[in-house]
PDB file of N, CA and C in Angstrom:
ATOM      1  N   MET A   1     102.246  82.313  83.225  1.00  0.00           N
ATOM      2  CA  MET A   1     101.486  83.580  84.040  1.00  0.00           C
ATOM      3  C   MET A   1     102.465  84.375  84.572  1.00  0.00           C
ATOM      4  N   ILE A   2     102.748  85.566  84.566  1.00  0.00           N
ATOM      5  CA  ILE A   2     103.698  86.390  85.427  1.00  0.00           C
ATOM      6  C   ILE A   2     103.573  86.797  86.547  1.00  0.00           C
ATOM      7  N   ARG A   3     104.698  86.813  87.261  1.00  0.00           N
ATOM      8  CA  ARG A   3     104.283  87.586  88.612  1.00  0.00           C
ATOM      9  C   ARG A   3     104.975  89.154  88.679  1.00  0.00           C
ATOM     10  N   LEU A   4     103.714  89.788  89.841  1.00  0.00           N
ATOM     11  CA  LEU A   4     103.983  91.301  89.739  1.00  0.00           C
ATOM     12  C   LEU A   4     104.068  91.779  90.825  1.00  0.00           C
ATOM     13  N   LEU A   5     104.560  93.144  90.953  1.00  0.00           N
ATOM     14  CA  LEU A   5     104.905  93.520  92.137  1.00  0.00           C
ATOM     15  C   LEU A   5     104.500  95.309  91.427  1.00  0.00           C
ATOM     16  N   THR A   6     103.438  95.271  92.707  1.00  0.00           N
ATOM     17  CA  THR A   6     102.970  96.837  91.882  1.00  0.00           C
ATOM     18  C   THR A   6     103.527  98.347  92.508  1.00  0.00           C
ATOM     19  N   ASP A   7     103.379  98.973  91.659  1.00  0.00           N
ATOM     20  CA  ASP A   7     104.692  99.734  92.112  1.00  0.00           C
ATOM     21  C   ASP A   7     103.385 100.688  93.574  1.00  0.00           C
ATOM     22  N   GLU A   8     104.209 101.581  94.168  1.00  0.00           N
ATOM     23  CA  GLU A   8     103.757 102.253  95.640  1.00  0.00           C
ATOM     24  C   GLU A   8     102.370 103.030  95.187  1.00  0.00           C
ATOM     25  N   ASN A   9     102.324 103.605  94.261  1.00  0.00           N
ATOM     26  CA  ASN A   9     100.759 104.377  94.190  1.00  0.00           C
ATOM     27  C   ASN A   9      99.987 103.648  93.239  1.00  0.00           C
ATOM     28  N   PHE A  10     100.329 102.533  92.998  1.00  0.00           N
ATOM     29  CA  PHE A  10      99.182 101.940  91.953  1.00  0.00           C
ATOM     30  C   PHE A  10      97.824 101.376  92.388  1.00  0.00           C
ATOM     31  N   ASN A  11      97.101 101.996  91.299  1.00  0.00           N
ATOM     32  CA  ASN A  11      95.250 102.032  92.109  1.00  0.00           C
ATOM     33  C   ASN A  11      94.665 100.775  92.370  1.00  0.00           C
ATOM     34  N   GLN A  12      94.626 100.788  93.952  1.00  0.00           N
ATOM     35  CA  GLN A  12      94.125  99.516  94.735  1.00  0.00           C
ATOM     36  C   GLN A  12      92.429  99.031  93.658  1.00  0.00           C
ATOM     37  N   LYS A  13      91.763  99.628  93.101  1.00  0.00           N
ATOM     38  CA  LYS A  13      90.702  99.156  92.218  1.00  0.00           C
ATOM     39  C   LYS A  13      91.350  98.459  91.561  1.00  0.00           C
ATOM     40  N   ILE A  14      92.068  98.611  90.695  1.00  0.00           N
ATOM     41  CA  ILE A  14      92.824  97.502  89.642  1.00  0.00           C
ATOM     42  C   ILE A  14      93.200  96.226  90.033  1.00  0.00           C
ATOM     43  N   VAL A  15      93.940  96.527  91.103  1.00  0.00           N
ATOM     44  CA  VAL A  15      94.403  95.673  92.383  1.00  0.00           C
ATOM     45  C   VAL A  15      93.235  94.493  93.022  1.00  0.00           C
ATOM     46  N   ARG A  16      92.253  94.989  93.143  1.00  0.00           N
ATOM     47  CA  ARG A  16      91.386  94.218  93.455  1.00  0.00           C
ATOM     48  C   ARG A  16      90.305  93.664  92.222  1.00  0.00           C
ATOM     49  N   GLY A  17      90.481  94.154  91.250  1.00  0.00           N
ATOM     50  CA  GLY A  17      89.623  93.744  90.110  1.00  0.00           C
ATOM     51  C   GLY A  17      90.467  92.432  89.773  1.00  0.00           C
ATOM     52  N   LEU A  18      91.844  92.830  89.437  1.00  0.00           N
ATOM     53  CA  LEU A  18      92.660  91.742  88.789  1.00  0.00           C
ATOM     54  C   LEU A  18      92.399  90.284  89.916  1.00  0.00           C
ATOM     55  N   ARG A  19      92.822  90.662  91.292  1.00  0.00           N
ATOM     56  CA  ARG A  19      92.715  89.213  92.380  1.00  0.00           C
ATOM     57  C   ARG A  19      91.134  88.678  92.111  1.00  0.00           C
ATOM     58  N   ARG A  20      90.109  89.258  91.857  1.00  0.00           N
ATOM     59  CA  ARG A  20      88.763  88.847  91.759  1.00  0.00           C
ATOM     60  C   ARG A  20      88.756  87.750  90.333  1.00  0.00           C
ATOM     61  N   ARG A  21      89.652  88.534  89.199  1.00  0.00           N
ATOM     62  CA  ARG A  21      89.559  87.953  88.082  1.00  0.00           C
ATOM     63  C   ARG A  21      90.143  86.297  87.958  1.00  0.00           C
ATOM     64  N   LEU A  22      91.431  86.604  88.905  1.00  0.00           N
ATOM     65  CA  LEU A  22      92.592  85.791  88.678  1.00  0.00           C
ATOM     66  C   LEU A  22      93.533  85.383  89.914  1.00  0.00           C
ATOM     67  N   PRO A  23      92.590  84.728  91.130  1.00  0.00           N
ATOM     68  CA  PRO A  23      92.725  84.434  92.186  1.00  0.00           C
ATOM     69  C   PRO A  23      93.999  83.493  92.343  1.00  0.00           C
ATOM     70  N   GLN A  24      94.822  82.700  91.474  1.00  0.00           N
ATOM     71  CA  GLN A  24      96.111  82.135  91.451  1.00  0.00           C
ATOM     72  C   GLN A  24      96.897  82.846  91.181  1.00  0.00           C
ATOM     73  N   MET A  25      96.860  84.354  90.820  1.00  0.00           N
ATOM     74  CA  MET A  25      97.743  85.371  90.464  1.00  0.00           C
ATOM     75  C   MET A  25      98.912  85.899  91.461  1.00  0.00           C
ATOM     76  N   ASP A  26     100.462  85.703  91.278  1.00  0.00           N
ATOM     77  CA  ASP A  26     101.270  85.734  92.470  1.00  0.00           C
ATOM     78  C   ASP A  26     101.107  87.158  92.063  1.00  0.00           C
ATOM     79  N   LEU A  27     100.727  88.185  93.224  1.00  0.00           N
ATOM     80  CA  LEU A  27     101.023  89.540  93.038  1.00  0.00           C
ATOM     81  C   LEU A  27     101.331  90.273  94.467  1.00  0.00           C
ATOM     82  N   LEU A  28     102.550  91.161  94.296  1.00  0.00           N
ATOM     83  CA  LEU A  28     102.649  91.405  95.823  1.00  0.00           C
ATOM     84  C   LEU A  28     102.983  93.172  95.501  1.00  0.00           C
ATOM     85  N   SER A  29     102.593  93.928  96.338  1.00  0.00           N
ATOM     86  CA  SER A  29     102.719  95.208  96.619  1.00  0.00           C
ATOM     87  C   SER A  29     104.057  95.611  97.217  1.00  0.00           C
ATOM     88  N   VAL A  30     104.753  96.970  96.818  1.00  0.00           N
ATOM     89  CA  VAL A  30     105.825  97.432  97.019  1.00  0.00           C
ATOM     90  C   VAL A  30     105.728  97.113  98.949  1.00  0.00           C
ATOM     91  N   ARG A  31     104.315  97.725  99.183  1.00  0.00           N
ATOM     92  CA  ARG A  31     104.529  97.976 100.698  1.00  0.00           C
ATOM     93  C   ARG A  31     104.515  96.654 101.678  1.00  0.00           C
ATOM     94  N   ASP A  32     104.135  95.814 100.890  1.00  0.00           N
ATOM     95  CA  ASP A  32     103.789  94.094 101.666  1.00  0.00           C
ATOM     96  C   ASP A  32     105.394  93.791 101.637  1.00  0.00           C
ATOM     97  N   ALA A  33     105.801  94.489 100.716  1.00  0.00           N
ATOM     98  CA  ALA A  33     107.374  93.685 100.188  1.00  0.00           C
ATOM     99  C   ALA A  33     108.617  94.454 101.346  1.00  0.00           C
ATOM    100  N   GLY A  34     107.982  95.204 101.816  1.00  0.00           N
ATOM    101  CA  GLY A  34     108.742  95.987 102.771  1.00  0.00           C
ATOM    102  C   GLY A  34     109.920  97.123 101.914  1.00  0.00           C
ATOM    103  N   LEU A  35     109.158  97.481 100.977  1.00  0.00           N
ATOM    104  CA  LEU A  35     110.092  98.527 100.393  1.00  0.00           C
ATOM    105  C   LEU A  35     109.633  99.672  99.936  1.00  0.00           C
ATOM    106  N   SER A  36     108.712 100.042 100.660  1.00  0.00           N
ATOM    107  CA  SER A  36     107.719 101.625 100.502  1.00  0.00           C
ATOM    108  C   SER A  36     108.955 102.626 100.717  1.00  0.00           C
ATOM    109  N   GLY A  37     109.046 103.561  99.666  1.00  0.00           N
ATOM    110  CA  GLY A  37     109.877 104.334 100.061  1.00  0.00           C
ATOM    111  C   GLY A  37     111.383 104.216  99.229  1.00  0.00           C
ATOM    112  N   GLN A  38     111.225 103.023  98.363  1.00  0.00           N
ATOM    113  CA  GLN A  38     112.700 102.786  97.891  1.00  0.00           C
ATOM    114  C   GLN A  38     112.737 103.535  96.658  1.00  0.00           C
ATOM    115  N   PRO A  39     113.986 104.067  96.390  1.00  0.00           N
ATOM    116  CA  PRO A  39     114.248 104.698  94.727  1.00  0.00           C
ATOM    117  C   PRO A  39     113.445 103.591  93.801  1.00  0.00           C
ATOM    118  N   ASP A  40     112.857 104.344  92.476  1.00  0.00           N
ATOM    119  CA  ASP A  40     112.238 103.453  91.436  1.00  0.00           C
ATOM    120  C   ASP A  40     113.755 102.389  91.102  1.00  0.00           C
ATOM    121  N   MET A  41     115.113 103.138  90.565  1.00  0.00           N
ATOM    122  CA  MET A  41     116.243 102.149  90.404  1.00  0.00           C
ATOM    123  C   MET A  41     116.454 100.853  91.365  1.00  0.00           C
ATOM    124  N   PHE A  42     115.745 101.037  92.608  1.00  0.00           N
ATOM    125  CA  PHE A  42     116.010 100.076  93.525  1.00  0.00           C
ATOM    126  C   PHE A  42     114.846  98.535  93.370  1.00  0.00           C
ATOM    127  N   LEU A  43     113.931  99.428  93.041  1.00  0.00           N
ATOM    128  CA  LEU A  43     112.968  98.602  93.156  1.00  0.00           C
ATOM    129  C   LEU A  43     112.654  97.497  91.776  1.00  0.00           C
ATOM    130  N   LEU A  44     113.403  98.395  90.718  1.00  0.00           N
ATOM    131  CA  LEU A  44     113.392  97.175  89.085  1.00  0.00           C
ATOM    132  C   LEU A  44     114.598  96.552  89.619  1.00  0.00           C
ATOM    133  N   ARG A  45     115.489  96.711  90.301  1.00  0.00           N
ATOM    134  CA  ARG A  45     116.516  95.498  90.410  1.00  0.00           C
ATOM    135  C   ARG A  45     116.046  94.478  91.308  1.00  0.00           C
ATOM    136  N   TRP A  46     115.265  94.914  92.278  1.00  0.00           N
ATOM    137  CA  TRP A  46     114.617  94.098  93.119  1.00  0.00           C
ATOM    138  C   TRP A  46     113.529  93.162  92.251  1.00  0.00           C
ATOM    139  N   ALA A  47     112.680  94.242  91.696  1.00  0.00           N
ATOM    140  CA  ALA A  47     111.890  93.046  90.694  1.00  0.00           C
ATOM    141  C   ALA A  47     112.399  92.112  89.607  1.00  0.00           C
ATOM    142  N   ALA A  48     113.957  92.710  89.306  1.00  0.00           N
ATOM    143  CA  ALA A  48     114.308  91.427  88.454  1.00  0.00           C
ATOM    144  C   ALA A  48     114.905  90.370  89.245  1.00  0.00           C
ATOM    145  N   GLN A  49     115.596  90.410  90.528  1.00  0.00           N
ATOM    146  CA  GLN A  49     115.947  89.265  91.549  1.00  0.00           C
ATOM    147  C   GLN A  49     114.967  88.318  91.664  1.00  0.00           C
ATOM    148  N   GLU A  50     113.889  89.046  91.882  1.00  0.00           N
ATOM    149  CA  GLU A  50     112.586  87.837  92.074  1.00  0.00           C
ATOM    150  C   GLU A  50     111.890  87.496  90.535  1.00  0.00           C
ATOM    151  N   ASN A  51     112.039  88.305  89.583  1.00  0.00           N
ATOM    152  CA  ASN A  51     111.393  87.804  88.595  1.00  0.00           C
ATOM    153  C   ASN A  51     109.711  88.087  88.574  1.00  0.00           C
ATOM    154  N   ARG A  52     110.000  89.491  88.909  1.00  0.00           N
ATOM    155  CA  ARG A  52     108.746  90.187  89.145  1.00  0.00           C
ATOM    156  C   ARG A  52     108.273  91.666  87.997  1.00  0.00           C
ATOM    157  N   THR A  53     107.282  91.462  87.237  1.00  0.00           N
ATOM    158  CA  THR A  53     107.046  92.364  86.191  1.00  0.00           C
ATOM    159  C   THR A  53     106.386  93.384  87.569  1.00  0.00           C
ATOM    160  N   ILE A  54     107.022  95.314  87.151  1.00  0.00           N
ATOM    161  CA  ILE A  54     106.174  96.052  88.057  1.00  0.00           C
ATOM    162  C   ILE A  54     105.262  96.661  87.268  1.00  0.00           C
ATOM    163  N   LEU A  55     104.276  96.729  87.739  1.00  0.00           N
ATOM    164  CA  LEU A  55     102.969  97.580  87.396  1.00  0.00           C
ATOM    165  C   LEU A  55     102.840  98.783  87.803  1.00  0.00           C
ATOM    166  N   THR A  56     102.687  99.810  87.129  1.00  0.00           N
ATOM    167  CA  THR A  56     103.171 101.049  87.548  1.00  0.00           C
ATOM    168  C   THR A  56     102.211 102.049  86.925  1.00  0.00           C
ATOM    169  N   HIS A  57     101.853 103.247  87.320  1.00  0.00           N
ATOM    170  CA  HIS A  57     100.979 104.826  86.441  1.00  0.00           C
ATOM    171  C   HIS A  57     102.759 105.627  86.442  1.00  0.00           C
ATOM    172  N   ASP A  58     103.563 105.169  86.808  1.00  0.00           N
ATOM    173  CA  ASP A  58     104.911 106.274  86.889  1.00  0.00           C
ATOM    174  C   ASP A  58     105.109 106.255  85.488  1.00  0.00           C
ATOM    175  N   ILE A  59     105.157 107.541  84.261  1.00  0.00           N
ATOM    176  CA  ILE A  59     105.673 107.060  82.929  1.00  0.00           C
ATOM    177  C   ILE A  59     106.723 107.923  83.301  1.00  0.00           C
ATOM    178  N   SER A  60     106.655 109.123  84.285  1.00  0.00           N
ATOM    179  CA  SER A  60     107.763 110.292  84.214  1.00  0.00           C
ATOM    180  C   SER A  60     109.333 109.650  84.602  1.00  0.00           C
ATOM    181  N   THR A  61     109.398 108.536  85.774  1.00  0.00           N
ATOM    182  CA  THR A  61     110.428 107.968  86.130  1.00  0.00           C
ATOM    183  C   THR A  61     110.792 106.511  86.232  1.00  0.00           C
ATOM    184  N   LEU A  62     109.724 105.970  86.417  1.00  0.00           N
ATOM    185  CA  LEU A  62     110.344 104.569  86.706  1.00  0.00           C
ATOM    186  C   LEU A  62     110.621 104.236  85.012  1.00  0.00           C
ATOM    187  N   ARG A  63     109.543 104.303  84.035  1.00  0.00           N
ATOM    188  CA  ARG A  63     109.856 103.788  82.813  1.00  0.00           C
ATOM    189  C   ARG A  63     111.433 104.215  82.232  1.00  0.00           C
ATOM    190  N   PRO A  64     111.976 105.779  82.607  1.00  0.00           N
ATOM    191  CA  PRO A  64     113.013 105.897  82.209  1.00  0.00           C
ATOM    192  C   PRO A  64     114.106 105.246  82.725  1.00  0.00           C
ATOM    193  N   ASP A  65     114.267 105.027  83.983  1.00  0.00           N
ATOM    194  CA  ASP A  65     114.899 103.672  84.746  1.00  0.00           C
ATOM    195  C   ASP A  65     115.154 102.140  84.083  1.00  0.00           C
ATOM    196  N   ALA A  66     113.604 102.325  83.702  1.00  0.00           N
ATOM    197  CA  ALA A  66     113.454 100.770  83.036  1.00  0.00           C
ATOM    198  C   ALA A  66     114.483 100.714  81.915  1.00  0.00           C
ATOM    199  N   LYS A  67     114.465 102.230  81.059  1.00  0.00           N
ATOM    200  CA  LYS A  67     115.125 101.795  79.954  1.00  0.00           C
ATOM    201  C   LYS A  67     116.513 102.045  80.032  1.00  0.00           C
ATOM    202  N   GLN A  68     116.950 102.973  81.207  1.00  0.00           N
ATOM    203  CA  GLN A  68     118.398 103.138  81.211  1.00  0.00           C
ATOM    204  C   GLN A  68     118.951 101.609  81.817  1.00  0.00           C
ATOM    205  N   LEU A  69     118.136 100.846  82.527  1.00  0.00           N
ATOM    206  CA  LEU A  69     118.643  99.484  82.920  1.00  0.00           C
ATOM    207  C   LEU A  69     118.860  98.435  81.628  1.00  0.00           C
ATOM    208  N   ILE A  70     118.104  98.382  80.726  1.00  0.00           N
ATOM    209  CA  ILE A  70     117.973  97.884  79.108  1.00  0.00           C
ATOM    210  C   ILE A  70     119.234  98.434  78.844  1.00  0.00           C
ATOM    211  N   VAL A  71     119.524  99.160  78.324  1.00  0.00           N
ATOM    212  CA  VAL A  71     120.920 100.229  77.731  1.00  0.00           C
ATOM    213  C   VAL A  71     122.207  99.638  78.262  1.00  0.00           C
ATOM    214  N   GLN A  72     121.741  99.777  79.649  1.00  0.00           N
ATOM    215  CA  GLN A  72     123.329  99.431  80.450  1.00  0.00           C
ATOM    216  C   GLN A  72     123.772  97.610  79.953  1.00  0.00           C
ATOM    217  N   GLY A  73     122.680  96.935  80.123  1.00  0.00           N
ATOM    218  CA  GLY A  73     122.746  95.358  80.084  1.00  0.00           C
ATOM    219  C   GLY A  73     122.590  94.626  81.329  1.00  0.00           C
ATOM    220  N   GLU A  74     121.548  95.441  82.190  1.00  0.00           N
ATOM    221  CA  GLU A  74     121.297  94.694  83.748  1.00  0.00           C
ATOM    222  C   GLU A  74     120.131  94.527  83.190  1.00  0.00           C
ATOM    223  N   PRO A  75     120.197  93.313  84.246  1.00  0.00           N
ATOM    224  CA  PRO A  75     118.443  92.670  84.107  1.00  0.00           C
ATOM    225  C   PRO A  75     117.500  93.907  84.370  1.00  0.00           C
ATOM    226  N   MET A  76     116.263  93.155  83.585  1.00  0.00           N
ATOM    227  CA  MET A  76     115.131  93.933  84.130  1.00  0.00           C
ATOM    228  C   MET A  76     113.775  93.193  83.817  1.00  0.00           C
ATOM    229  N   ALA A  77     113.091  92.785  84.741  1.00  0.00           N
ATOM    230  CA  ALA A  77     112.158  91.863  84.518  1.00  0.00           C
ATOM    231  C   ALA A  77     111.000  92.271  83.670  1.00  0.00           C
ATOM    232  N   GLY A  78     110.865  93.507  83.534  1.00  0.00           N
ATOM    233  CA  GLY A  78     109.676  93.868  82.755  1.00  0.00           C
ATOM    234  C   GLY A  78     108.591  95.000  83.713  1.00  0.00           C
ATOM    235  N   VAL A  79     107.929  96.039  82.851  1.00  0.00           N
ATOM    236  CA  VAL A  79     106.849  97.331  83.430  1.00  0.00           C
ATOM    237  C   VAL A  79     106.401  97.444  82.565  1.00  0.00           C
ATOM    238  N   ILE A  80     105.059  96.987  83.097  1.00  0.00           N
ATOM    239  CA  ILE A  80     103.616  97.354  82.642  1.00  0.00           C
ATOM    240  C   ILE A  80     103.390  98.736  83.142  1.00  0.00           C
ATOM    241  N   VAL A  81     103.253  99.829  81.907  1.00  0.00           N
ATOM    242  CA  VAL A  81     102.754 101.127  82.697  1.00  0.00           C
ATOM    243  C   VAL A  81     100.985 100.915  82.301  1.00  0.00           C
ATOM    244  N   VAL A  82     100.592 101.225  83.297  1.00  0.00           N
ATOM    245  CA  VAL A  82      98.783 101.806  82.771  1.00  0.00           C
ATOM    246  C   VAL A  82      98.524 103.524  82.769  1.00  0.00           C
ATOM    247  N   PRO A  83      98.191 104.023  82.293  1.00  0.00           N
ATOM    248  CA  PRO A  83      97.828 105.495  82.578  1.00  0.00           C
ATOM    249  C   PRO A  83      96.386 105.451  83.386  1.00  0.00           C
ATOM    250  N   ASP A  84      97.172 106.343  84.391  1.00  0.00           N
ATOM    251  CA  ASP A  84      96.028 106.252  85.894  1.00  0.00           C
ATOM    252  C   ASP A  84      94.325 106.908  85.850  1.00  0.00           C
ATOM    253  N   GLN A  85      94.872 107.638  84.462  1.00  0.00           N
ATOM    254  CA  GLN A  85      93.002 108.425  84.187  1.00  0.00           C
ATOM    255  C   GLN A  85      92.307 107.225  83.308  1.00  0.00           C
ATOM    256  N   LEU A  86      92.881 105.967  83.089  1.00  0.00           N
ATOM    257  CA  LEU A  86      92.505 105.035  82.266  1.00  0.00           C
ATOM    258  C   LEU A  86      91.312 104.035  82.698  1.00  0.00           C
ATOM    259  N   GLU A  87      89.930 103.807  82.164  1.00  0.00           N
ATOM    260  CA  GLU A  87      88.876 103.329  82.898  1.00  0.00           C
ATOM    261  C   GLU A  87      89.346 101.881  83.901  1.00  0.00           C
ATOM    262  N   ILE A  88      89.122 101.874  85.002  1.00  0.00           N
ATOM    263  CA  ILE A  88      89.310 100.373  85.942  1.00  0.00           C
ATOM    264  C   ILE A  88      88.742  99.151  85.303  1.00  0.00           C
ATOM    265  N   GLY A  89      87.797  99.422  84.666  1.00  0.00           N
ATOM    266  CA  GLY A  89      87.497  98.020  83.741  1.00  0.00           C
ATOM    267  C   GLY A  89      88.165  97.830  82.578  1.00  0.00           C
ATOM    268  N   ARG A  90      88.548  99.173  81.686  1.00  0.00           N
ATOM    269  CA  ARG A  90      89.380  98.355  80.804  1.00  0.00           C
ATOM    270  C   ARG A  90      91.015  97.935  80.993  1.00  0.00           C
ATOM    271  N   ALA A  91      91.756  98.858  82.428  1.00  0.00           N
ATOM    272  CA  ALA A  91      92.623  98.344  83.172  1.00  0.00           C
ATOM    273  C   ALA A  91      92.671  97.172  83.330  1.00  0.00           C
ATOM    274  N   VAL A  92      91.826  96.389  84.415  1.00  0.00           N
ATOM    275  CA  VAL A  92      91.517  94.881  84.623  1.00  0.00           C
ATOM    276  C   VAL A  92      91.371  94.148  83.206  1.00  0.00           C
ATOM    277  N   ASN A  93      90.720  94.609  82.328  1.00  0.00           N
ATOM    278  CA  ASN A  93      90.701  93.791  81.426  1.00  0.00           C
ATOM    279  C   ASN A  93      92.198  93.517  80.533  1.00  0.00           C
ATOM    280  N   ASP A  94      92.565  94.528  80.624  1.00  0.00           N
ATOM    281  CA  ASP A  94      93.768  94.833  79.572  1.00  0.00           C
ATOM    282  C   ASP A  94      94.695  93.775  80.382  1.00  0.00           C
ATOM    283  N   LEU A  95      94.996  94.230  81.595  1.00  0.00           N
ATOM    284  CA  LEU A  95      95.918  93.509  82.393  1.00  0.00           C
ATOM    285  C   LEU A  95      95.749  91.976  82.693  1.00  0.00           C
ATOM    286  N   GLU A  96      94.665  91.632  82.728  1.00  0.00           N
ATOM    287  CA  GLU A  96      94.091  89.667  82.700  1.00  0.00           C
ATOM    288  C   GLU A  96      94.961  89.100  81.490  1.00  0.00           C
ATOM    289  N   ILE A  97      94.588  89.925  80.480  1.00  0.00           N
ATOM    290  CA  ILE A  97      95.084  89.266  79.230  1.00  0.00           C
ATOM    291  C   ILE A  97      96.644  89.144  79.499  1.00  0.00           C
ATOM    292  N   MET A  98      97.475  90.443  79.483  1.00  0.00           N
ATOM    293  CA  MET A  98      98.630  90.413  79.818  1.00  0.00           C
ATOM    294  C   MET A  98      99.496  89.436  80.808  1.00  0.00           C
ATOM    295  N   VAL A  99      99.108  89.212  82.025  1.00  0.00           N
ATOM    296  CA  VAL A  99      99.304  88.589  83.324  1.00  0.00           C
ATOM    297  C   VAL A  99      99.031  86.937  82.362  1.00  0.00           C
ATOM    298  N   GLU A 100      97.942  86.675  82.011  1.00  0.00           N
ATOM    299  CA  GLU A 100      97.456  85.164  81.813  1.00  0.00           C
ATOM    300  C   GLU A 100      98.436  84.646  80.179  1.00  0.00           C
ATOM    301  N   CYS A 101      98.687  85.835  79.793  1.00  0.00           N
ATOM    302  CA  CYS A 101      99.233  85.381  78.305  1.00  0.00           C
ATOM    303  C   CYS A 101     100.977  85.425  78.016  1.00  0.00           C
ATOM    304  N   TYR A 102     101.265  86.711  78.784  1.00  0.00           N
ATOM    305  CA  TYR A 102     102.869  86.666  78.686  1.00  0.00           C
ATOM    306  C   TYR A 102     103.527  85.788  79.572  1.00  0.00           C
ATOM    307  N   THR A 103     104.550  85.463  79.546  1.00  0.00           N
ATOM    308  CA  THR A 103     105.837  84.546  80.020  1.00  0.00           C
ATOM    309  C   THR A 103     106.880  85.689  80.815  1.00  0.00           C
ATOM    310  N   GLU A 104     107.707  85.257  81.557  1.00  0.00           N
ATOM    311  CA  GLU A 104     108.428  85.884  82.240  1.00  0.00           C
ATOM    312  C   GLU A 104     109.733  86.302  81.209  1.00  0.00           C
ATOM    313  N   SER A 105     109.754  85.779  80.250  1.00  0.00           N
ATOM    314  CA  SER A 105     110.748  85.893  79.108  1.00  0.00           C
ATOM    315  C   SER A 105     110.293  86.650  78.041  1.00  0.00           C
ATOM    316  N   GLU A 106     109.422  86.436  78.224  1.00  0.00           N
ATOM    317  CA  GLU A 106     108.974  88.060  76.809  1.00  0.00           C
ATOM    318  C   GLU A 106     108.821  89.362  77.502  1.00  0.00           C
ATOM    319  N   MET A 107     108.120  89.236  79.118  1.00  0.00           N
ATOM    320  CA  MET A 107     108.634  90.363  79.734  1.00  0.00           C
ATOM    321  C   MET A 107     109.798  91.015  79.849  1.00  0.00           C
ATOM    322  N   ARG A 108     110.888  90.462  80.168  1.00  0.00           N
ATOM    323  CA  ARG A 108     112.359  90.437  80.369  1.00  0.00           C
ATOM    324  C   ARG A 108     112.477  91.286  79.380  1.00  0.00           C
ATOM    325  N   ASN A 109     112.967  92.826  80.117  1.00  0.00           N
ATOM    326  CA  ASN A 109     113.859  93.693  79.072  1.00  0.00           C
ATOM    327  C   ASN A 109     112.778  94.335  78.822  1.00  0.00           C
ATOM    328  N   ASN A 110     111.660  94.339  78.683  1.00  0.00           N
ATOM    329  CA  ASN A 110     110.171  94.974  77.917  1.00  0.00           C
ATOM    330  C   ASN A 110     109.550  95.494  78.966  1.00  0.00           C
ATOM    331  N   ILE A 111     108.915  97.285  78.076  1.00  0.00           N
ATOM    332  CA  ILE A 111     108.446  97.781  78.641  1.00  0.00           C
ATOM    333  C   ILE A 111     106.811  98.012  78.029  1.00  0.00           C
ATOM    334  N   LYS A 112     105.927  97.159  78.627  1.00  0.00           N
ATOM    335  CA  LYS A 112     104.448  97.591  77.821  1.00  0.00           C
ATOM    336  C   LYS A 112     103.327  98.436  78.184  1.00  0.00           C
ATOM    337  N   HIS A 113     102.775  98.456  77.360  1.00  0.00           N
ATOM    338  CA  HIS A 113     102.001  99.779  78.179  1.00  0.00           C
ATOM    339  C   HIS A 113     100.337  99.380  77.920  1.00  0.00           C
ATOM    340  N   VAL A 114      99.415  99.657  78.303  1.00  0.00           N
ATOM    341  CA  VAL A 114      97.621  99.322  78.466  1.00  0.00           C
ATOM    342  C   VAL A 114      97.371 100.650  78.361  1.00  0.00           C
ATOM    343  N   PRO A 115      96.328 101.142  77.115  1.00  0.00           N
ATOM    344  CA  PRO A 115      95.741  99.922  76.765  1.00  0.00           C
ATOM    345  C   PRO A 115      96.673  98.937  75.634  1.00  0.00           C
ATOM    346  N   LEU A 116      96.140  97.817  75.268  1.00  0.00           N
ATOM    347  CA  LEU A 116      96.875  96.954  74.554  1.00  0.00           C
ATOM    348  C   LEU A 116      96.467  97.738  72.983  1.00  0.00           C
TER     349      LEU A 116
END
């Protein structure tokens, strides 16, 4: 099971749905980690050190920064992009599968997209 870090503006309804289905899941929010307001590149590097895949709705900046780290050969723990307009139930279903099935090594240096 992969460990997660939710981006600052990640939908809390999705988080609650995931926690109901996967109570043993290791999920930390940017706010709870004391990282609110940090730039995306900082969050990506922090997540890599902590082996946490980032859950985000941010296609415009976080995804390009993650790609940049990969190109530069820097560690990147992984990113899962969830469209913010996706139905909550669908997001929870797909994320449940991803969290349970992917390993940290499979997520490393990868950007995955929901829906599956």
